Amino acid sequence: MIIIVGLGNPGTKFNHTRHNTGFMAIDFFAKKNDFPDFTSSKKYHSLVSEGTIEKTSPNSDGHQNHGTKVFLVKPETFMNESGKALASILKNKNDATLIVIHDDIDMPLGKIKFSKDSGTGGHKGVNSIIQHLGNNNFIQLKIGIATNDEKAEDVVLKKFTKEEEEILGQIIEKSAKSLDYLINNGLEKTMNEYNR
């Protein structure tokens, strides 16, 4: 099983802010792959949806793969408590591959990057996950949100301008394609393909 977590802050006032890019990306991925609507899970402190991604590439023996089960998560805790939600989920699914999608203020808008076993980069949501899990053994899909050389802390809660939303829309779509690619081809090939 693969668990994909989109990071953000719950509540309508945070909709379309830079810090909620992880939510936007996972919403698009869910819709693109016809996942059921997200439902609230008190047990997991999250909105969750579960589905299957059919593999497009056959096995090495030429037989078609069965689909991969994918569990989508949007924590309903605030960003700096994201790890609380993840810890409760991984208690029951500790053999799953974990992918965390989040905004990255040190990368320009329009860029995405995959990494594994990496640090927080100053991201409070990622920091919370590492603290609660006790390790950084997961894949990160970082989506750049920096514009106009602004990197200050308060930028993350700003909304995107109309021009920026056009770029964001393209990159959210690209992130969904990259996740499909990752599920089909593994991390190394995905990093070669998308970390340019």
N, C-alpha and C. Protein backbone atom coordinates (compact mmCIF):
# COMPACT_ATOMS: atom_id res chain seq x y z
N MET A 1 0.83 -1.20 0.00
CA MET A 1 0.00 0.00 0.00
C MET A 1 0.87 1.25 0.00
N ILE A 2 0.36 2.29 -0.66
CA ILE A 2 1.02 3.59 -0.66
C ILE A 2 0.11 4.58 0.06
N ILE A 3 0.69 5.32 0.99
CA ILE A 3 -0.04 6.40 1.67
C ILE A 3 0.49 7.73 1.14
N ILE A 4 -0.41 8.53 0.58
CA ILE A 4 -0.02 9.86 0.08
C ILE A 4 -0.69 10.90 0.97
N VAL A 5 0.11 11.77 1.56
CA VAL A 5 -0.38 12.79 2.47
C VAL A 5 -0.17 14.17 1.84
N GLY A 6 -1.22 14.95 1.75
CA GLY A 6 -1.09 16.34 1.33
C GLY A 6 -1.16 17.22 2.55
N LEU A 7 -0.18 18.12 2.71
CA LEU A 7 -0.15 18.97 3.91
C LEU A 7 -0.83 20.31 3.66
N GLY A 8 -1.48 20.82 4.70
CA GLY A 8 -2.15 22.11 4.63
C GLY A 8 -2.78 22.43 5.97
N ASN A 9 -3.48 23.55 6.02
CA ASN A 9 -4.22 23.94 7.22
C ASN A 9 -5.71 23.80 6.96
N PRO A 10 -6.46 23.20 7.89
CA PRO A 10 -7.91 23.08 7.68
C PRO A 10 -8.60 24.43 7.85
N GLY A 11 -9.79 24.56 7.28
CA GLY A 11 -10.57 25.79 7.43
C GLY A 11 -10.56 26.62 6.17
N THR A 12 -11.71 27.21 5.85
CA THR A 12 -11.86 27.93 4.57
C THR A 12 -10.94 29.13 4.45
N LYS A 13 -10.56 29.74 5.58
CA LYS A 13 -9.71 30.94 5.48
C LYS A 13 -8.33 30.62 4.92
N PHE A 14 -7.94 29.34 4.97
CA PHE A 14 -6.62 28.96 4.44
C PHE A 14 -6.69 28.45 2.99
N ASN A 15 -7.90 28.35 2.44
CA ASN A 15 -8.04 27.89 1.05
C ASN A 15 -7.23 28.79 0.12
N HIS A 16 -6.55 28.17 -0.82
CA HIS A 16 -5.76 28.87 -1.86
C HIS A 16 -4.57 29.65 -1.30
N THR A 17 -4.17 29.37 -0.05
CA THR A 17 -2.93 29.98 0.42
C THR A 17 -1.77 29.07 0.01
N ARG A 18 -0.58 29.65 -0.01
CA ARG A 18 0.61 28.90 -0.48
C ARG A 18 0.87 27.66 0.38
N HIS A 19 0.61 27.79 1.68
CA HIS A 19 0.88 26.68 2.60
C HIS A 19 -0.06 25.50 2.36
N ASN A 20 -1.16 25.72 1.62
CA ASN A 20 -2.12 24.64 1.36
C ASN A 20 -1.92 23.99 -0.01
N THR A 21 -0.76 24.19 -0.59
CA THR A 21 -0.47 23.59 -1.90
C THR A 21 -0.55 22.07 -1.85
N GLY A 22 -0.16 21.46 -0.73
CA GLY A 22 -0.25 20.01 -0.58
C GLY A 22 -1.69 19.51 -0.66
N PHE A 23 -2.62 20.27 -0.04
CA PHE A 23 -4.05 19.93 -0.14
C PHE A 23 -4.52 20.01 -1.59
N MET A 24 -4.14 21.09 -2.27
CA MET A 24 -4.57 21.30 -3.66
C MET A 24 -4.07 20.16 -4.55
N ALA A 25 -2.82 19.76 -4.34
CA ALA A 25 -2.22 18.71 -5.17
C ALA A 25 -2.92 17.37 -4.95
N ILE A 26 -3.22 17.04 -3.69
CA ILE A 26 -3.83 15.74 -3.42
C ILE A 26 -5.29 15.72 -3.88
N ASP A 27 -5.97 16.88 -3.79
CA ASP A 27 -7.35 16.97 -4.31
C ASP A 27 -7.38 16.70 -5.81
N PHE A 28 -6.42 17.31 -6.52
CA PHE A 28 -6.35 17.13 -7.98
C PHE A 28 -6.05 15.67 -8.32
N PHE A 29 -5.09 15.07 -7.61
CA PHE A 29 -4.71 13.67 -7.83
C PHE A 29 -5.92 12.75 -7.61
N ALA A 30 -6.68 13.02 -6.54
CA ALA A 30 -7.86 12.19 -6.22
C ALA A 30 -8.90 12.28 -7.34
N LYS A 31 -9.14 13.49 -7.81
CA LYS A 31 -10.14 13.70 -8.85
C LYS A 31 -9.70 13.05 -10.16
N LYS A 32 -8.44 13.25 -10.52
CA LYS A 32 -7.88 12.71 -11.76
C LYS A 32 -7.99 11.18 -11.80
N ASN A 33 -7.83 10.55 -10.64
CA ASN A 33 -7.83 9.08 -10.57
C ASN A 33 -9.15 8.50 -10.07
N ASP A 34 -10.21 9.34 -10.07
CA ASP A 34 -11.57 8.89 -9.70
C ASP A 34 -11.65 8.24 -8.32
N PHE A 35 -10.97 8.82 -7.36
CA PHE A 35 -11.07 8.33 -5.98
C PHE A 35 -12.41 8.79 -5.39
N PRO A 36 -12.93 8.08 -4.39
CA PRO A 36 -14.15 8.55 -3.72
C PRO A 36 -13.89 9.89 -3.02
N ASP A 37 -14.96 10.61 -2.70
CA ASP A 37 -14.82 11.87 -1.96
C ASP A 37 -14.11 11.61 -0.64
N PHE A 38 -13.35 12.60 -0.18
CA PHE A 38 -12.71 12.50 1.14
C PHE A 38 -13.78 12.48 2.23
N THR A 39 -13.56 11.64 3.24
CA THR A 39 -14.46 11.62 4.39
C THR A 39 -13.63 11.84 5.66
N SER A 40 -14.27 12.41 6.66
CA SER A 40 -13.56 12.72 7.90
C SER A 40 -13.43 11.47 8.77
N SER A 41 -12.21 11.23 9.24
CA SER A 41 -11.95 10.09 10.13
C SER A 41 -11.44 10.61 11.48
N LYS A 42 -12.26 10.47 12.52
CA LYS A 42 -11.83 10.91 13.86
C LYS A 42 -10.63 10.08 14.32
N LYS A 43 -10.65 8.80 13.97
CA LYS A 43 -9.57 7.88 14.37
C LYS A 43 -8.22 8.38 13.86
N TYR A 44 -8.20 8.91 12.63
CA TYR A 44 -6.95 9.33 12.02
C TYR A 44 -6.76 10.86 12.04
N HIS A 45 -7.68 11.61 12.65
CA HIS A 45 -7.59 13.08 12.68
C HIS A 45 -7.40 13.65 11.28
N SER A 46 -8.06 13.06 10.29
CA SER A 46 -7.80 13.42 8.90
C SER A 46 -9.02 13.23 8.02
N LEU A 47 -8.97 13.86 6.85
CA LEU A 47 -9.88 13.51 5.76
C LEU A 47 -9.17 12.44 4.94
N VAL A 48 -9.87 11.36 4.62
CA VAL A 48 -9.22 10.23 3.94
C VAL A 48 -10.04 9.75 2.74
N SER A 49 -9.34 9.14 1.80
CA SER A 49 -9.98 8.51 0.64
C SER A 49 -9.09 7.36 0.22
N GLU A 50 -9.70 6.27 -0.24
CA GLU A 50 -8.92 5.08 -0.60
C GLU A 50 -9.32 4.60 -1.98
N GLY A 51 -8.34 4.21 -2.76
CA GLY A 51 -8.63 3.72 -4.11
C GLY A 51 -7.48 2.88 -4.63
N THR A 52 -7.55 2.57 -5.90
CA THR A 52 -6.52 1.73 -6.54
C THR A 52 -6.02 2.43 -7.80
N ILE A 53 -4.71 2.43 -7.96
CA ILE A 53 -4.10 2.93 -9.20
C ILE A 53 -3.69 1.72 -10.02
N GLU A 54 -4.26 1.59 -11.22
CA GLU A 54 -3.88 0.47 -12.09
C GLU A 54 -2.50 0.73 -12.68
N LYS A 55 -1.64 -0.25 -12.59
CA LYS A 55 -0.29 -0.11 -13.17
C LYS A 55 -0.37 -0.21 -14.69
N THR A 56 0.38 0.66 -15.35
CA THR A 56 0.35 0.66 -16.81
C THR A 56 1.45 -0.22 -17.40
N SER A 57 2.49 -0.49 -16.61
CA SER A 57 3.59 -1.30 -17.15
C SER A 57 3.48 -2.73 -16.66
N PRO A 58 3.71 -3.72 -17.54
CA PRO A 58 3.62 -5.13 -17.12
C PRO A 58 4.79 -5.53 -16.22
N ASN A 59 4.63 -6.63 -15.51
CA ASN A 59 5.72 -7.20 -14.71
C ASN A 59 6.85 -7.66 -15.62
N SER A 60 7.98 -8.00 -15.00
CA SER A 60 9.13 -8.47 -15.78
C SER A 60 8.81 -9.77 -16.53
N ASP A 61 7.83 -10.54 -16.02
CA ASP A 61 7.47 -11.79 -16.71
C ASP A 61 6.41 -11.56 -17.80
N GLY A 62 6.07 -10.28 -18.02
CA GLY A 62 5.13 -9.96 -19.10
C GLY A 62 3.68 -9.92 -18.68
N HIS A 63 3.39 -10.38 -17.45
CA HIS A 63 2.01 -10.35 -16.97
C HIS A 63 1.64 -8.97 -16.45
N GLN A 64 0.38 -8.63 -16.64
CA GLN A 64 -0.08 -7.32 -16.18
C GLN A 64 -0.12 -7.28 -14.65
N ASN A 65 0.36 -6.18 -14.07
CA ASN A 65 0.30 -6.00 -12.63
C ASN A 65 -1.14 -5.81 -12.17
N HIS A 66 -1.41 -6.19 -10.94
CA HIS A 66 -2.65 -5.78 -10.31
C HIS A 66 -2.46 -4.34 -9.86
N GLY A 67 -3.53 -3.66 -9.58
CA GLY A 67 -3.43 -2.27 -9.15
C GLY A 67 -2.75 -2.12 -7.79
N THR A 68 -2.30 -0.91 -7.53
CA THR A 68 -1.68 -0.59 -6.25
C THR A 68 -2.70 0.14 -5.39
N LYS A 69 -2.88 -0.34 -4.15
CA LYS A 69 -3.80 0.33 -3.23
C LYS A 69 -3.16 1.63 -2.75
N VAL A 70 -3.95 2.70 -2.79
CA VAL A 70 -3.45 4.01 -2.39
C VAL A 70 -4.43 4.63 -1.39
N PHE A 71 -3.86 5.11 -0.29
CA PHE A 71 -4.64 5.73 0.79
C PHE A 71 -4.26 7.20 0.82
N LEU A 72 -5.23 8.07 0.55
CA LEU A 72 -4.97 9.52 0.51
C LEU A 72 -5.38 10.16 1.83
N VAL A 73 -4.56 11.11 2.30
CA VAL A 73 -4.76 11.72 3.62
C VAL A 73 -4.59 13.23 3.55
N LYS A 74 -5.56 13.95 4.15
CA LYS A 74 -5.41 15.38 4.40
C LYS A 74 -5.61 15.59 5.91
N PRO A 75 -4.51 15.78 6.66
CA PRO A 75 -4.65 15.94 8.12
C PRO A 75 -5.59 17.10 8.47
N GLU A 76 -6.46 16.87 9.46
CA GLU A 76 -7.35 17.93 9.94
C GLU A 76 -6.76 18.64 11.15
N THR A 77 -5.56 18.23 11.54
CA THR A 77 -4.80 18.98 12.54
C THR A 77 -4.24 20.20 11.82
N PHE A 78 -3.74 21.18 12.54
CA PHE A 78 -3.06 22.27 11.84
C PHE A 78 -1.68 21.79 11.40
N MET A 79 -1.09 22.56 10.49
CA MET A 79 0.16 22.15 9.83
C MET A 79 1.21 21.64 10.81
N ASN A 80 1.43 22.39 11.90
CA ASN A 80 2.52 22.02 12.81
C ASN A 80 2.19 20.83 13.71
N GLU A 81 0.99 20.22 13.49
CA GLU A 81 0.62 18.98 14.21
C GLU A 81 0.38 17.83 13.23
N SER A 82 0.85 17.98 11.99
CA SER A 82 0.61 16.97 10.95
C SER A 82 1.08 15.58 11.37
N GLY A 83 2.15 15.51 12.12
CA GLY A 83 2.71 14.23 12.53
C GLY A 83 1.78 13.42 13.41
N LYS A 84 0.93 14.10 14.17
CA LYS A 84 -0.04 13.42 15.05
C LYS A 84 -0.97 12.54 14.21
N ALA A 85 -1.47 13.09 13.11
CA ALA A 85 -2.35 12.34 12.22
C ALA A 85 -1.62 11.16 11.59
N LEU A 86 -0.40 11.41 11.14
CA LEU A 86 0.37 10.35 10.46
C LEU A 86 0.73 9.21 11.40
N ALA A 87 1.08 9.54 12.62
CA ALA A 87 1.45 8.50 13.59
C ALA A 87 0.28 7.54 13.81
N SER A 88 -0.95 8.09 13.90
CA SER A 88 -2.12 7.22 14.13
C SER A 88 -2.41 6.35 12.92
N ILE A 89 -2.16 6.85 11.73
CA ILE A 89 -2.40 6.07 10.50
C ILE A 89 -1.36 4.96 10.35
N LEU A 90 -0.10 5.30 10.57
CA LEU A 90 0.98 4.33 10.34
C LEU A 90 1.03 3.23 11.40
N LYS A 91 0.35 3.46 12.52
CA LYS A 91 0.24 2.40 13.54
C LYS A 91 -0.37 1.14 12.94
N ASN A 92 -1.35 1.33 12.05
CA ASN A 92 -2.05 0.20 11.42
C ASN A 92 -1.49 -0.17 10.05
N LYS A 93 -0.68 0.69 9.49
CA LYS A 93 -0.20 0.47 8.11
C LYS A 93 1.31 0.71 8.05
N ASN A 94 2.05 0.11 8.98
CA ASN A 94 3.47 0.45 9.09
C ASN A 94 4.35 -0.14 7.99
N ASP A 95 3.77 -0.99 7.12
CA ASP A 95 4.57 -1.51 6.01
C ASP A 95 4.33 -0.71 4.73
N ALA A 96 3.55 0.37 4.85
CA ALA A 96 3.20 1.16 3.66
C ALA A 96 4.35 2.09 3.25
N THR A 97 4.35 2.45 1.97
CA THR A 97 5.26 3.49 1.48
C THR A 97 4.59 4.83 1.71
N LEU A 98 5.29 5.75 2.35
CA LEU A 98 4.72 7.06 2.68
C LEU A 98 5.28 8.14 1.76
N ILE A 99 4.36 8.91 1.17
CA ILE A 99 4.73 10.06 0.33
C ILE A 99 4.05 11.29 0.92
N VAL A 100 4.83 12.34 1.18
CA VAL A 100 4.29 13.58 1.75
C VAL A 100 4.44 14.70 0.73
N ILE A 101 3.30 15.33 0.38
CA ILE A 101 3.32 16.45 -0.58
C ILE A 101 3.21 17.75 0.20
N HIS A 102 4.12 18.67 -0.06
CA HIS A 102 4.06 19.94 0.68
C HIS A 102 4.67 21.08 -0.14
N ASP A 103 4.31 22.30 0.28
CA ASP A 103 4.88 23.50 -0.33
C ASP A 103 6.35 23.65 0.08
N ASP A 104 7.13 24.31 -0.76
CA ASP A 104 8.54 24.57 -0.45
C ASP A 104 8.84 26.02 -0.80
N ILE A 105 9.12 26.82 0.23
CA ILE A 105 9.32 28.24 0.03
C ILE A 105 10.72 28.56 -0.52
N ASP A 106 11.61 27.58 -0.52
CA ASP A 106 12.95 27.80 -1.05
C ASP A 106 13.07 27.42 -2.53
N MET A 107 11.96 26.97 -3.11
CA MET A 107 11.95 26.62 -4.54
C MET A 107 11.01 27.55 -5.28
N PRO A 108 11.37 27.94 -6.50
CA PRO A 108 10.51 28.86 -7.24
C PRO A 108 9.18 28.22 -7.64
N LEU A 109 8.15 29.03 -7.72
CA LEU A 109 6.84 28.58 -8.19
C LEU A 109 7.00 27.98 -9.58
N GLY A 110 6.42 26.79 -9.77
CA GLY A 110 6.53 26.13 -11.07
C GLY A 110 7.52 24.98 -11.08
N LYS A 111 8.20 24.75 -9.94
CA LYS A 111 9.17 23.65 -9.87
C LYS A 111 8.69 22.60 -8.87
N ILE A 112 8.91 21.33 -9.19
CA ILE A 112 8.66 20.27 -8.21
C ILE A 112 9.92 19.44 -8.04
N LYS A 113 10.02 18.78 -6.90
CA LYS A 113 11.22 17.97 -6.63
C LYS A 113 10.86 16.83 -5.68
N PHE A 114 11.35 15.63 -6.00
CA PHE A 114 11.21 14.48 -5.11
C PHE A 114 12.49 14.29 -4.30
N SER A 115 12.33 13.89 -3.04
CA SER A 115 13.50 13.52 -2.24
C SER A 115 13.07 12.42 -1.27
N LYS A 116 14.07 11.73 -0.72
CA LYS A 116 13.78 10.70 0.29
C LYS A 116 14.82 10.80 1.40
N ASP A 117 14.41 10.47 2.60
CA ASP A 117 15.31 10.52 3.77
C ASP A 117 15.92 11.91 3.94
N SER A 118 15.19 12.95 3.57
CA SER A 118 15.78 14.29 3.69
C SER A 118 15.21 15.02 4.90
N GLY A 119 15.75 16.20 5.16
CA GLY A 119 15.37 16.97 6.35
C GLY A 119 14.09 17.75 6.16
N THR A 120 13.86 18.69 7.08
CA THR A 120 12.61 19.44 7.10
C THR A 120 12.64 20.64 6.16
N GLY A 121 13.83 21.16 5.86
CA GLY A 121 13.91 22.39 5.07
C GLY A 121 13.18 23.53 5.75
N GLY A 122 13.03 23.47 7.08
CA GLY A 122 12.34 24.51 7.81
C GLY A 122 10.82 24.40 7.76
N HIS A 123 10.30 23.32 7.15
CA HIS A 123 8.85 23.16 7.01
C HIS A 123 8.28 22.55 8.29
N LYS A 124 7.34 23.27 8.94
CA LYS A 124 6.84 22.83 10.24
C LYS A 124 6.02 21.54 10.16
N GLY A 125 5.30 21.34 9.05
CA GLY A 125 4.54 20.11 8.89
C GLY A 125 5.45 18.90 8.78
N VAL A 126 6.49 19.03 7.97
CA VAL A 126 7.46 17.93 7.79
C VAL A 126 8.19 17.68 9.11
N ASN A 127 8.53 18.76 9.81
CA ASN A 127 9.20 18.63 11.10
C ASN A 127 8.34 17.84 12.09
N SER A 128 7.04 18.13 12.12
CA SER A 128 6.12 17.41 13.01
C SER A 128 6.06 15.93 12.66
N ILE A 129 6.05 15.63 11.36
CA ILE A 129 6.00 14.21 10.92
C ILE A 129 7.26 13.47 11.37
N ILE A 130 8.42 14.08 11.15
CA ILE A 130 9.69 13.43 11.54
C ILE A 130 9.72 13.22 13.06
N GLN A 131 9.26 14.22 13.82
CA GLN A 131 9.25 14.09 15.29
C GLN A 131 8.33 12.96 15.75
N HIS A 132 7.14 12.88 15.17
CA HIS A 132 6.17 11.85 15.59
C HIS A 132 6.56 10.45 15.13
N LEU A 133 7.15 10.35 13.94
CA LEU A 133 7.53 9.03 13.43
C LEU A 133 8.88 8.57 13.98
N GLY A 134 9.71 9.53 14.37
CA GLY A 134 11.04 9.20 14.88
C GLY A 134 12.03 8.91 13.77
N ASN A 135 11.66 9.22 12.51
CA ASN A 135 12.58 9.04 11.39
C ASN A 135 12.13 9.90 10.21
N ASN A 136 13.00 9.97 9.21
CA ASN A 136 12.66 10.72 7.98
C ASN A 136 12.60 9.78 6.78
N ASN A 137 12.23 8.52 7.07
CA ASN A 137 12.24 7.47 6.04
C ASN A 137 10.95 7.52 5.21
N PHE A 138 10.77 8.62 4.49
CA PHE A 138 9.61 8.74 3.60
C PHE A 138 9.99 9.63 2.41
N ILE A 139 9.15 9.57 1.39
CA ILE A 139 9.37 10.35 0.17
C ILE A 139 8.68 11.70 0.33
N GLN A 140 9.37 12.74 -0.09
CA GLN A 140 8.76 14.08 -0.11
C GLN A 140 8.58 14.53 -1.55
N LEU A 141 7.40 15.05 -1.86
CA LEU A 141 7.18 15.74 -3.13
C LEU A 141 7.01 17.21 -2.78
N LYS A 142 8.05 17.99 -3.12
CA LYS A 142 8.06 19.41 -2.78
C LYS A 142 7.57 20.22 -3.97
N ILE A 143 6.66 21.16 -3.71
CA ILE A 143 6.14 22.03 -4.76
C ILE A 143 6.55 23.46 -4.44
N GLY A 144 7.33 24.05 -5.34
CA GLY A 144 7.85 25.41 -5.11
C GLY A 144 6.75 26.45 -5.08
N ILE A 145 6.86 27.39 -4.11
CA ILE A 145 5.86 28.46 -4.01
C ILE A 145 6.50 29.85 -3.97
N ALA A 146 7.84 29.92 -4.05
CA ALA A 146 8.52 31.21 -3.89
C ALA A 146 8.37 32.07 -5.15
N THR A 147 8.10 33.35 -4.94
CA THR A 147 8.04 34.31 -6.05
C THR A 147 8.65 35.62 -5.60
N ASN A 148 9.16 36.38 -6.56
CA ASN A 148 9.71 37.72 -6.28
C ASN A 148 10.76 37.74 -5.18
N ASP A 149 11.53 36.64 -5.09
CA ASP A 149 12.58 36.54 -4.08
C ASP A 149 12.08 36.68 -2.64
N GLU A 150 10.76 36.58 -2.44
CA GLU A 150 10.22 36.63 -1.07
C GLU A 150 10.34 35.24 -0.46
N LYS A 151 11.00 35.16 0.67
CA LYS A 151 11.12 33.86 1.34
C LYS A 151 10.72 33.95 2.80
N ALA A 152 10.15 35.09 3.18
CA ALA A 152 9.83 35.29 4.59
C ALA A 152 8.71 34.35 5.04
N GLU A 153 8.70 34.09 6.32
CA GLU A 153 7.73 33.17 6.95
C GLU A 153 6.28 33.53 6.63
N ASP A 154 5.97 34.84 6.61
CA ASP A 154 4.56 35.24 6.42
C ASP A 154 4.05 35.01 5.01
N VAL A 155 4.95 34.77 4.06
CA VAL A 155 4.54 34.55 2.66
C VAL A 155 3.68 33.30 2.53
N VAL A 156 3.93 32.30 3.36
CA VAL A 156 3.24 31.02 3.19
C VAL A 156 1.73 31.13 3.37
N LEU A 157 1.26 32.12 4.11
CA LEU A 157 -0.18 32.26 4.32
C LEU A 157 -0.82 33.24 3.34
N LYS A 158 -0.02 33.75 2.40
CA LYS A 158 -0.56 34.63 1.36
C LYS A 158 -1.25 33.80 0.28
N LYS A 159 -2.26 34.38 -0.33
CA LYS A 159 -2.94 33.72 -1.45
C LYS A 159 -2.15 33.96 -2.73
N PHE A 160 -2.39 33.11 -3.73
CA PHE A 160 -1.73 33.27 -5.02
C PHE A 160 -2.42 34.36 -5.83
N THR A 161 -1.65 35.10 -6.63
CA THR A 161 -2.25 36.07 -7.55
C THR A 161 -2.84 35.30 -8.74
N LYS A 162 -3.62 36.00 -9.57
CA LYS A 162 -4.22 35.34 -10.75
C LYS A 162 -3.15 34.75 -11.65
N GLU A 163 -2.07 35.52 -11.88
CA GLU A 163 -0.98 35.04 -12.75
C GLU A 163 -0.31 33.81 -12.14
N GLU A 164 -0.10 33.86 -10.82
CA GLU A 164 0.53 32.73 -10.14
C GLU A 164 -0.36 31.49 -10.16
N GLU A 165 -1.67 31.70 -10.08
CA GLU A 165 -2.60 30.56 -10.08
C GLU A 165 -2.54 29.80 -11.40
N GLU A 166 -2.27 30.49 -12.49
CA GLU A 166 -2.11 29.80 -13.79
C GLU A 166 -0.92 28.86 -13.75
N ILE A 167 0.21 29.37 -13.23
CA ILE A 167 1.42 28.53 -13.11
C ILE A 167 1.15 27.38 -12.14
N LEU A 168 0.48 27.71 -11.03
CA LEU A 168 0.17 26.70 -10.00
C LEU A 168 -0.68 25.58 -10.58
N GLY A 169 -1.70 25.94 -11.37
CA GLY A 169 -2.57 24.94 -11.98
C GLY A 169 -1.78 23.94 -12.81
N GLN A 170 -0.81 24.45 -13.58
CA GLN A 170 0.03 23.57 -14.42
C GLN A 170 0.89 22.65 -13.56
N ILE A 171 1.42 23.21 -12.47
CA ILE A 171 2.34 22.42 -11.65
C ILE A 171 1.58 21.40 -10.79
N ILE A 172 0.34 21.73 -10.39
CA ILE A 172 -0.50 20.77 -9.66
C ILE A 172 -0.81 19.58 -10.57
N GLU A 173 -1.11 19.88 -11.82
CA GLU A 173 -1.36 18.81 -12.80
C GLU A 173 -0.11 17.96 -13.01
N LYS A 174 1.04 18.63 -13.10
CA LYS A 174 2.31 17.91 -13.27
C LYS A 174 2.60 17.04 -12.05
N SER A 175 2.28 17.54 -10.87
CA SER A 175 2.54 16.75 -9.65
C SER A 175 1.70 15.48 -9.64
N ALA A 176 0.44 15.56 -10.12
CA ALA A 176 -0.42 14.37 -10.18
C ALA A 176 0.16 13.35 -11.16
N LYS A 177 0.63 13.83 -12.31
CA LYS A 177 1.27 12.93 -13.29
C LYS A 177 2.51 12.28 -12.69
N SER A 178 3.27 13.08 -11.94
CA SER A 178 4.52 12.56 -11.36
C SER A 178 4.23 11.47 -10.32
N LEU A 179 3.12 11.61 -9.59
CA LEU A 179 2.75 10.58 -8.61
C LEU A 179 2.33 9.29 -9.31
N ASP A 180 1.56 9.43 -10.40
CA ASP A 180 1.22 8.24 -11.20
C ASP A 180 2.49 7.56 -11.70
N TYR A 181 3.43 8.37 -12.17
CA TYR A 181 4.70 7.85 -12.69
C TYR A 181 5.48 7.13 -11.57
N LEU A 182 5.49 7.73 -10.39
CA LEU A 182 6.19 7.14 -9.25
C LEU A 182 5.60 5.77 -8.90
N ILE A 183 4.27 5.67 -8.87
CA ILE A 183 3.61 4.41 -8.53
C ILE A 183 3.94 3.33 -9.56
N ASN A 184 4.10 3.74 -10.81
CA ASN A 184 4.39 2.78 -11.88
C ASN A 184 5.86 2.44 -12.02
N ASN A 185 6.74 3.41 -11.71
CA ASN A 185 8.15 3.24 -12.08
C ASN A 185 9.15 3.30 -10.94
N GLY A 186 8.69 3.61 -9.73
CA GLY A 186 9.62 3.68 -8.60
C GLY A 186 10.28 5.05 -8.48
N LEU A 187 10.95 5.26 -7.34
CA LEU A 187 11.49 6.58 -7.00
C LEU A 187 12.66 7.01 -7.88
N GLU A 188 13.58 6.09 -8.12
CA GLU A 188 14.80 6.49 -8.86
C GLU A 188 14.47 7.04 -10.25
N LYS A 189 13.64 6.30 -10.99
CA LYS A 189 13.25 6.76 -12.33
C LYS A 189 12.48 8.08 -12.25
N THR A 190 11.63 8.19 -11.22
CA THR A 190 10.82 9.41 -11.06
C THR A 190 11.70 10.61 -10.79
N MET A 191 12.71 10.44 -9.95
CA MET A 191 13.65 11.55 -9.65
C MET A 191 14.40 11.96 -10.91
N ASN A 192 14.81 10.97 -11.70
CA ASN A 192 15.51 11.28 -12.97
C ASN A 192 14.61 12.04 -13.93
N GLU A 193 13.32 11.69 -13.91
CA GLU A 193 12.37 12.28 -14.85
C GLU A 193 11.91 13.68 -14.42
N TYR A 194 11.70 13.87 -13.12
CA TYR A 194 11.04 15.10 -12.65
C TYR A 194 11.92 16.08 -11.88
N ASN A 195 13.09 15.65 -11.41
CA ASN A 195 13.94 16.56 -10.63
C ASN A 195 14.90 17.35 -11.50
N ARG A 196 14.42 17.80 -12.67
CA ARG A 196 15.34 18.51 -13.54
C ARG A 196 15.16 20.01 -13.36
